[in-house]
Amino acid sequence: MMENIIDPLIFEFKKIKRIRGDLFKNFLSFVHLYLTGTKDDKYKEIKLKLLKYIVANEKTITMKLVQN
């Protein structure tokens, strides 16, 4: 289930042309800001679970970020 959410986020993140610094940390910040875009807090718990999943699977997600 989480992969269905993360893959489109990775796709949107890769659209950003200038990515500097630590790729994984930048992606983590991107996801946080992307999901915080709404004023409604009904997704707060989902966002927290998603961020925990991303941190727990850092190596797998970093590999996806590096792939073209």
C-alpha atoms as a PDB file:
ATOM      1  CA  MET A   1       0.000   0.000   0.000  1.00  0.00           C
ATOM      2  CA  MET A   2       2.757   2.454   0.916  1.00  0.00           C
ATOM      3  CA  GLU A   3       4.487   1.815  -2.410  1.00  0.00           C
ATOM      4  CA  ASN A   4       1.377   3.086  -4.213  1.00  0.00           C
ATOM      5  CA  ILE A   5       1.755   6.376  -2.361  1.00  0.00           C
ATOM      6  CA  ILE A   6       5.538   6.678  -2.472  1.00  0.00           C
ATOM      7  CA  ASP A   7       6.036   5.980  -6.187  1.00  0.00           C
ATOM      8  CA  PRO A   8       4.013   9.031  -7.344  1.00  0.00           C
ATOM      9  CA  LEU A   9       5.811  11.166  -4.754  1.00  0.00           C
ATOM     10  CA  ILE A  10       9.167  10.002  -6.126  1.00  0.00           C
ATOM     11  CA  PHE A  11       7.952  10.851  -9.632  1.00  0.00           C
ATOM     12  CA  GLU A  12       6.950  14.379  -8.531  1.00  0.00           C
ATOM     13  CA  PHE A  13      10.253  14.808  -6.671  1.00  0.00           C
ATOM     14  CA  LYS A  14      12.240  13.852  -9.772  1.00  0.00           C
ATOM     15  CA  LYS A  15      10.515  16.620 -11.732  1.00  0.00           C
ATOM     16  CA  ILE A  16      12.474  19.132  -9.652  1.00  0.00           C
ATOM     17  CA  LYS A  17      15.453  20.022 -11.798  1.00  0.00           C
ATOM     18  CA  ARG A  18      17.842  21.297  -9.129  1.00  0.00           C
ATOM     19  CA  ILE A  19      18.364  18.920  -6.274  1.00  0.00           C
ATOM     20  CA  ARG A  20      21.387  19.653  -4.117  1.00  0.00           C
ATOM     21  CA  GLY A  21      22.729  18.016  -1.002  1.00  0.00           C
ATOM     22  CA  ASP A  22      21.550  14.747   0.479  1.00  0.00           C
ATOM     23  CA  LEU A  23      19.005  13.243  -1.903  1.00  0.00           C
ATOM     24  CA  PHE A  24      17.172  11.241   0.771  1.00  0.00           C
ATOM     25  CA  LYS A  25      16.869  14.164   3.215  1.00  0.00           C
ATOM     26  CA  ASN A  26      15.640  16.392   0.404  1.00  0.00           C
ATOM     27  CA  PHE A  27      13.016  13.805  -0.527  1.00  0.00           C
ATOM     28  CA  LEU A  28      11.917  13.482   3.092  1.00  0.00           C
ATOM     29  CA  SER A  29      11.493  17.265   3.324  1.00  0.00           C
ATOM     30  CA  PHE A  30       9.665  17.290  -0.013  1.00  0.00           C
ATOM     31  CA  VAL A  31       7.182  14.649   1.166  1.00  0.00           C
ATOM     32  CA  HIS A  32       6.580  16.518   4.404  1.00  0.00           C
ATOM     33  CA  LEU A  33       5.935  19.805   2.610  1.00  0.00           C
ATOM     34  CA  TYR A  34       3.904  18.142  -0.150  1.00  0.00           C
ATOM     35  CA  LEU A  35       1.564  16.478   2.345  1.00  0.00           C
ATOM     36  CA  THR A  36       1.350  19.553   4.569  1.00  0.00           C
ATOM     37  CA  GLY A  37      -0.051  21.589   1.697  1.00  0.00           C
ATOM     38  CA  THR A  38      -3.599  21.299   3.000  1.00  0.00           C
ATOM     39  CA  LYS A  39      -4.976  23.101   6.039  1.00  0.00           C
ATOM     40  CA  ASP A  40      -7.032  20.061   6.953  1.00  0.00           C
ATOM     41  CA  ASP A  41      -5.387  17.847   9.579  1.00  0.00           C
ATOM     42  CA  LYS A  42      -7.333  14.718   8.651  1.00  0.00           C
ATOM     43  CA  TYR A  43      -4.223  13.374   6.869  1.00  0.00           C
ATOM     44  CA  LYS A  44      -1.872  14.130   9.775  1.00  0.00           C
ATOM     45  CA  GLU A  45      -1.799  10.513  10.986  1.00  0.00           C
ATOM     46  CA  ILE A  46      -1.334   9.139   7.466  1.00  0.00           C
ATOM     47  CA  LYS A  47       1.510  11.584   6.854  1.00  0.00           C
ATOM     48  CA  LEU A  48       3.221  10.496  10.060  1.00  0.00           C
ATOM     49  CA  LYS A  49       2.929   6.809   9.133  1.00  0.00           C
ATOM     50  CA  LEU A  50       4.247   7.541   5.634  1.00  0.00           C
ATOM     51  CA  LEU A  51       7.245   9.490   6.929  1.00  0.00           C
ATOM     52  CA  LYS A  52       8.067   6.703   9.405  1.00  0.00           C
ATOM     53  CA  TYR A  53       7.860   4.168   6.570  1.00  0.00           C
ATOM     54  CA  ILE A  54      10.186   6.273   4.410  1.00  0.00           C
ATOM     55  CA  VAL A  55      12.765   6.554   7.199  1.00  0.00           C
ATOM     56  CA  ALA A  56      12.558   2.824   7.936  1.00  0.00           C
ATOM     57  CA  ASN A  57      13.118   1.971   4.256  1.00  0.00           C
ATOM     58  CA  GLU A  58      15.815   4.541   3.516  1.00  0.00           C
ATOM     59  CA  LYS A  59      18.027   2.309   1.358  1.00  0.00           C
ATOM     60  CA  THR A  60      15.216   1.077  -0.877  1.00  0.00           C
ATOM     61  CA  ILE A  61      13.815   4.551  -1.404  1.00  0.00           C
ATOM     62  CA  THR A  62      17.269   6.031  -2.043  1.00  0.00           C
ATOM     63  CA  MET A  63      17.785   3.415  -4.759  1.00  0.00           C
ATOM     64  CA  LYS A  64      14.483   4.409  -6.359  1.00  0.00           C
ATOM     65  CA  LEU A  65      15.504   8.068  -6.205  1.00  0.00           C
ATOM     66  CA  VAL A  66      18.810   7.378  -7.953  1.00  0.00           C
ATOM     67  CA  GLN A  67      17.240   5.322 -10.764  1.00  0.00           C
ATOM     68  CA  ASN A  68      16.312   7.207 -13.926  1.00  0.00           C
END
